[in-house]
Amino acid sequence: MDEFDVWSIDSDSKADWAIRKIAEARAEYDRLEQLAKQRKAEIDTELAEAAQRRDNAVSPMEAALYAYFAGVKPSTDTKTQTTYRLLSGTLVQKKPKQAMVVNGDGEALLHWMESNGYGDMINRSPQWGSFKRCLQISGAVAVDASTGAVVDGVAVEEVPGKFEVKPKGGV
């Protein structure tokens, strides 16, 4: 039978044959699926082991670099980070900061925004990126920068500083 020929099942024999072929195709797929799942599990294990080896190699060096960084004069020292440049890369200490986050599901924030003239920034949920620029941190609370009113539904969290090693080439 040519692959372009149209065929039909017109007897019990052909119907039985088609059922066997379907069962064979499904069984072959199931076999390959099991093989793929087993191989994926093996690959995931290998990858986790490689990550552990990487961490075991990198962590002590990062700790030593952090200690070294603490004793050198920085290349740059800005409001947000301190850096020290070397030929092979840059040591970066990001400074701790405060960040505003929406409390819970944002319902209190939506209500506050609607009640205080920021309804145009609501699109089913707060347009957080735009609205956040209208706020400022005052102590441990977020306030409306234009009125000083405390904004319900927004919390202020401490974001810890972060030390990074940035080799050239982005690795």
C-alpha atoms as a PDB file:
ATOM      1  CA  MET A   1       0.000   0.000   0.000  1.00  0.00           C
ATOM      2  CA  ASP A   2       1.406   3.434  -0.986  1.00  0.00           C
ATOM      3  CA  GLU A   3       1.662   5.985   1.831  1.00  0.00           C
ATOM      4  CA  PHE A   4      -0.698   8.274  -0.043  1.00  0.00           C
ATOM      5  CA  ASP A   5      -3.346   5.608  -0.620  1.00  0.00           C
ATOM      6  CA  VAL A   6      -6.463   6.027   1.436  1.00  0.00           C
ATOM      7  CA  TRP A   7      -7.467   2.882   3.223  1.00  0.00           C
ATOM      8  CA  SER A   8     -10.355   1.939   5.360  1.00  0.00           C
ATOM      9  CA  ILE A   9     -11.212  -0.744   7.834  1.00  0.00           C
ATOM     10  CA  ASP A  10     -13.882  -2.874   6.318  1.00  0.00           C
ATOM     11  CA  SER A  11     -13.502  -6.194   8.120  1.00  0.00           C
ATOM     12  CA  ASP A  12     -12.947  -7.695  11.554  1.00  0.00           C
ATOM     13  CA  SER A  13      -9.511  -8.808  10.431  1.00  0.00           C
ATOM     14  CA  LYS A  14      -8.417  -5.255   9.498  1.00  0.00           C
ATOM     15  CA  ALA A  15      -9.998  -3.839  12.670  1.00  0.00           C
ATOM     16  CA  ASP A  16      -8.141  -6.401  14.783  1.00  0.00           C
ATOM     17  CA  TRP A  17      -4.891  -5.596  12.932  1.00  0.00           C
ATOM     18  CA  ALA A  18      -5.402  -1.836  13.542  1.00  0.00           C
ATOM     19  CA  ILE A  19      -6.009  -2.432  17.264  1.00  0.00           C
ATOM     20  CA  ARG A  20      -2.770  -4.470  17.504  1.00  0.00           C
ATOM     21  CA  LYS A  21      -0.823  -1.718  15.679  1.00  0.00           C
ATOM     22  CA  ILE A  22      -2.241   0.931  18.009  1.00  0.00           C
ATOM     23  CA  ALA A  23      -1.333  -1.182  21.042  1.00  0.00           C
ATOM     24  CA  GLU A  24       2.195  -1.714  19.671  1.00  0.00           C
ATOM     25  CA  ALA A  25       2.664   2.009  18.998  1.00  0.00           C
ATOM     26  CA  ARG A  26       1.419   2.909  22.483  1.00  0.00           C
ATOM     27  CA  ALA A  27       3.602   0.261  24.103  1.00  0.00           C
ATOM     28  CA  GLU A  28       6.658   1.518  22.192  1.00  0.00           C
ATOM     29  CA  TYR A  29       5.915   5.083  23.259  1.00  0.00           C
ATOM     30  CA  ASP A  30       5.465   3.987  26.907  1.00  0.00           C
ATOM     31  CA  ARG A  31       8.787   2.110  26.774  1.00  0.00           C
ATOM     32  CA  LEU A  32      10.600   5.155  25.370  1.00  0.00           C
ATOM     33  CA  GLU A  33       8.892   7.439  27.871  1.00  0.00           C
ATOM     34  CA  GLN A  34      10.072   5.270  30.775  1.00  0.00           C
ATOM     35  CA  LEU A  35      13.574   5.173  29.313  1.00  0.00           C
ATOM     36  CA  ALA A  36      13.565   8.974  28.944  1.00  0.00           C
ATOM     37  CA  LYS A  37      12.322   9.469  32.523  1.00  0.00           C
ATOM     38  CA  GLN A  38      15.041   7.148  33.832  1.00  0.00           C
ATOM     39  CA  ARG A  39      17.723   8.923  31.804  1.00  0.00           C
ATOM     40  CA  LYS A  40      16.398  12.334  32.883  1.00  0.00           C
ATOM     41  CA  ALA A  41      16.626  11.253  36.528  1.00  0.00           C
ATOM     42  CA  GLU A  42      20.217  10.126  35.933  1.00  0.00           C
ATOM     43  CA  ILE A  43      21.051  13.438  34.235  1.00  0.00           C
ATOM     44  CA  ASP A  44      19.395  15.414  37.053  1.00  0.00           C
ATOM     45  CA  THR A  45      21.481  13.463  39.581  1.00  0.00           C
ATOM     46  CA  GLU A  46      24.662  14.100  37.592  1.00  0.00           C
ATOM     47  CA  LEU A  47      23.824  17.790  37.359  1.00  0.00           C
ATOM     48  CA  ALA A  48      23.129  18.034  41.105  1.00  0.00           C
ATOM     49  CA  GLU A  49      26.467  16.342  41.805  1.00  0.00           C
ATOM     50  CA  ALA A  50      28.213  18.773  39.434  1.00  0.00           C
ATOM     51  CA  ALA A  51      26.563  21.711  41.227  1.00  0.00           C
ATOM     52  CA  GLN A  52      27.767  20.351  44.568  1.00  0.00           C
ATOM     53  CA  ARG A  53      31.329  19.994  43.221  1.00  0.00           C
ATOM     54  CA  ARG A  54      31.136  23.553  41.873  1.00  0.00           C
ATOM     55  CA  ASP A  55      29.905  24.876  45.209  1.00  0.00           C
ATOM     56  CA  ASN A  56      32.599  22.966  47.089  1.00  0.00           C
ATOM     57  CA  ALA A  57      35.260  24.488  44.817  1.00  0.00           C
ATOM     58  CA  VAL A  58      33.846  28.021  44.664  1.00  0.00           C
ATOM     59  CA  SER A  59      32.619  28.656  48.230  1.00  0.00           C
ATOM     60  CA  PRO A  60      36.018  28.646  49.962  1.00  0.00           C
ATOM     61  CA  MET A  61      37.484  30.896  47.263  1.00  0.00           C
ATOM     62  CA  GLU A  62      34.544  33.320  47.503  1.00  0.00           C
ATOM     63  CA  ALA A  63      34.968  33.415  51.280  1.00  0.00           C
ATOM     64  CA  ALA A  64      38.689  34.129  50.911  1.00  0.00           C
ATOM     65  CA  LEU A  65      37.979  36.817  48.293  1.00  0.00           C
ATOM     66  CA  TYR A  66      35.389  38.389  50.612  1.00  0.00           C
ATOM     67  CA  ALA A  67      37.968  38.524  53.407  1.00  0.00           C
ATOM     68  CA  TYR A  68      40.545  39.994  51.015  1.00  0.00           C
ATOM     69  CA  PHE A  69      38.017  42.530  49.724  1.00  0.00           C
ATOM     70  CA  ALA A  70      37.413  43.772  53.274  1.00  0.00           C
ATOM     71  CA  GLY A  71      41.071  44.830  53.554  1.00  0.00           C
ATOM     72  CA  VAL A  72      41.615  46.654  50.246  1.00  0.00           C
ATOM     73  CA  LYS A  73      40.802  50.176  49.115  1.00  0.00           C
ATOM     74  CA  PRO A  74      37.778  49.977  46.789  1.00  0.00           C
ATOM     75  CA  SER A  75      38.001  50.962  43.124  1.00  0.00           C
ATOM     76  CA  THR A  76      34.564  52.556  43.385  1.00  0.00           C
ATOM     77  CA  ASP A  77      32.250  53.190  46.301  1.00  0.00           C
ATOM     78  CA  THR A  78      28.736  54.316  45.397  1.00  0.00           C
ATOM     79  CA  LYS A  79      25.471  54.579  47.274  1.00  0.00           C
ATOM     80  CA  THR A  80      24.505  51.048  46.216  1.00  0.00           C
ATOM     81  CA  GLN A  81      27.750  49.090  45.953  1.00  0.00           C
ATOM     82  CA  THR A  82      31.494  48.949  46.482  1.00  0.00           C
ATOM     83  CA  THR A  83      33.739  47.385  43.847  1.00  0.00           C
ATOM     84  CA  TYR A  84      37.343  46.316  43.507  1.00  0.00           C
ATOM     85  CA  ARG A  85      38.617  45.680  39.969  1.00  0.00           C
ATOM     86  CA  LEU A  86      41.213  43.078  39.130  1.00  0.00           C
ATOM     87  CA  LEU A  87      42.502  41.875  35.766  1.00  0.00           C
ATOM     88  CA  SER A  88      40.340  38.736  35.762  1.00  0.00           C
ATOM     89  CA  GLY A  89      37.155  40.286  37.112  1.00  0.00           C
ATOM     90  CA  THR A  90      35.549  42.513  39.706  1.00  0.00           C
ATOM     91  CA  LEU A  91      34.664  41.982  43.350  1.00  0.00           C
ATOM     92  CA  VAL A  92      31.343  43.619  44.145  1.00  0.00           C
ATOM     93  CA  GLN A  93      29.754  44.236  47.544  1.00  0.00           C
ATOM     94  CA  LYS A  94      26.143  45.340  47.138  1.00  0.00           C
ATOM     95  CA  LYS A  95      25.073  47.418  50.097  1.00  0.00           C
ATOM     96  CA  PRO A  96      22.041  46.542  52.209  1.00  0.00           C
ATOM     97  CA  LYS A  97      18.931  48.500  51.375  1.00  0.00           C
ATOM     98  CA  GLN A  98      15.255  48.725  52.072  1.00  0.00           C
ATOM     99  CA  ALA A  99      12.728  47.641  49.473  1.00  0.00           C
ATOM    100  CA  MET A 100       8.967  48.076  49.324  1.00  0.00           C
ATOM    101  CA  VAL A 101       6.789  45.010  48.691  1.00  0.00           C
ATOM    102  CA  VAL A 102       3.048  44.537  48.398  1.00  0.00           C
ATOM    103  CA  ASN A 103       1.510  42.948  51.492  1.00  0.00           C
ATOM    104  CA  GLY A 104      -0.526  39.791  50.910  1.00  0.00           C
ATOM    105  CA  ASP A 105      -2.794  39.849  47.877  1.00  0.00           C
ATOM    106  CA  GLY A 106      -2.655  43.634  47.439  1.00  0.00           C
ATOM    107  CA  GLU A 107      -6.291  44.284  48.347  1.00  0.00           C
ATOM    108  CA  ALA A 108      -5.431  46.859  51.016  1.00  0.00           C
ATOM    109  CA  LEU A 109      -3.102  48.588  48.584  1.00  0.00           C
ATOM    110  CA  LEU A 110      -5.774  48.668  45.855  1.00  0.00           C
ATOM    111  CA  HIS A 111      -8.247  50.206  48.286  1.00  0.00           C
ATOM    112  CA  TRP A 112      -5.685  52.802  49.429  1.00  0.00           C
ATOM    113  CA  MET A 113      -4.743  53.673  45.841  1.00  0.00           C
ATOM    114  CA  GLU A 114      -8.395  54.141  44.832  1.00  0.00           C
ATOM    115  CA  SER A 115      -9.098  56.295  47.903  1.00  0.00           C
ATOM    116  CA  ASN A 116      -6.053  58.529  47.402  1.00  0.00           C
ATOM    117  CA  GLY A 117      -6.179  59.449  43.713  1.00  0.00           C
ATOM    118  CA  TYR A 118      -4.065  56.691  42.194  1.00  0.00           C
ATOM    119  CA  GLY A 119      -6.937  54.813  40.555  1.00  0.00           C
ATOM    120  CA  ASP A 120      -5.469  55.434  37.098  1.00  0.00           C
ATOM    121  CA  MET A 121      -2.553  53.175  38.075  1.00  0.00           C
ATOM    122  CA  ILE A 122      -4.818  50.224  38.790  1.00  0.00           C
ATOM    123  CA  ASN A 123      -5.291  47.656  36.067  1.00  0.00           C
ATOM    124  CA  ARG A 124      -7.082  44.833  37.915  1.00  0.00           C
ATOM    125  CA  SER A 125      -4.014  44.752  40.129  1.00  0.00           C
ATOM    126  CA  PRO A 126      -1.715  47.590  41.139  1.00  0.00           C
ATOM    127  CA  GLN A 127       0.731  48.827  38.503  1.00  0.00           C
ATOM    128  CA  TRP A 128       3.443  48.317  41.057  1.00  0.00           C
ATOM    129  CA  GLY A 129       6.334  49.566  38.951  1.00  0.00           C
ATOM    130  CA  SER A 130       4.661  52.930  38.282  1.00  0.00           C
ATOM    131  CA  PHE A 131       3.103  53.336  41.708  1.00  0.00           C
ATOM    132  CA  LYS A 132       6.307  52.485  43.589  1.00  0.00           C
ATOM    133  CA  ARG A 133       7.914  55.604  42.095  1.00  0.00           C
ATOM    134  CA  CYS A 134       5.256  57.680  43.913  1.00  0.00           C
ATOM    135  CA  LEU A 135       6.331  56.270  47.280  1.00  0.00           C
ATOM    136  CA  GLN A 136       9.255  56.681  49.581  1.00  0.00           C
ATOM    137  CA  ILE A 137      10.469  54.830  52.625  1.00  0.00           C
ATOM    138  CA  SER A 138      10.090  56.629  55.928  1.00  0.00           C
ATOM    139  CA  GLY A 139      11.598  54.584  58.721  1.00  0.00           C
ATOM    140  CA  ALA A 140       9.864  51.213  58.541  1.00  0.00           C
ATOM    141  CA  VAL A 141       6.837  52.286  56.480  1.00  0.00           C
ATOM    142  CA  ALA A 142       6.091  53.278  52.891  1.00  0.00           C
ATOM    143  CA  VAL A 143       4.547  56.722  52.462  1.00  0.00           C
ATOM    144  CA  ASP A 144       3.066  58.676  49.581  1.00  0.00           C
ATOM    145  CA  ALA A 145       5.910  60.972  48.519  1.00  0.00           C
ATOM    146  CA  SER A 146       3.548  63.856  47.739  1.00  0.00           C
ATOM    147  CA  THR A 147       1.419  63.760  50.919  1.00  0.00           C
ATOM    148  CA  GLY A 148       3.430  61.796  53.469  1.00  0.00           C
ATOM    149  CA  ALA A 149       0.442  59.509  54.100  1.00  0.00           C
ATOM    150  CA  VAL A 150       1.296  55.971  55.172  1.00  0.00           C
ATOM    151  CA  VAL A 151       0.334  53.556  52.376  1.00  0.00           C
ATOM    152  CA  ASP A 152      -1.732  50.574  53.523  1.00  0.00           C
ATOM    153  CA  GLY A 153      -0.825  47.252  51.985  1.00  0.00           C
ATOM    154  CA  VAL A 154       2.877  47.957  51.470  1.00  0.00           C
ATOM    155  CA  ALA A 155       5.585  46.670  53.776  1.00  0.00           C
ATOM    156  CA  VAL A 156       9.217  47.700  53.988  1.00  0.00           C
ATOM    157  CA  GLU A 157      11.683  44.825  54.064  1.00  0.00           C
ATOM    158  CA  GLU A 158      15.407  44.797  54.617  1.00  0.00           C
ATOM    159  CA  VAL A 159      17.254  43.453  51.572  1.00  0.00           C
ATOM    160  CA  PRO A 160      20.632  42.184  52.698  1.00  0.00           C
ATOM    161  CA  GLY A 161      23.807  43.245  50.944  1.00  0.00           C
ATOM    162  CA  LYS A 162      25.269  40.731  48.543  1.00  0.00           C
ATOM    163  CA  PHE A 163      28.830  39.880  47.676  1.00  0.00           C
ATOM    164  CA  GLU A 164      29.484  38.828  44.066  1.00  0.00           C
ATOM    165  CA  VAL A 165      32.471  37.704  42.071  1.00  0.00           C
ATOM    166  CA  LYS A 166      32.087  38.726  38.425  1.00  0.00           C
ATOM    167  CA  PRO A 167      34.699  37.147  36.158  1.00  0.00           C
ATOM    168  CA  LYS A 168      35.141  38.775  32.785  1.00  0.00           C
ATOM    169  CA  GLY A 169      33.122  37.024  30.142  1.00  0.00           C
ATOM    170  CA  GLY A 170      30.108  36.630  32.421  1.00  0.00           C
ATOM    171  CA  VAL A 171      30.825  33.170  33.807  1.00  0.00           C
END
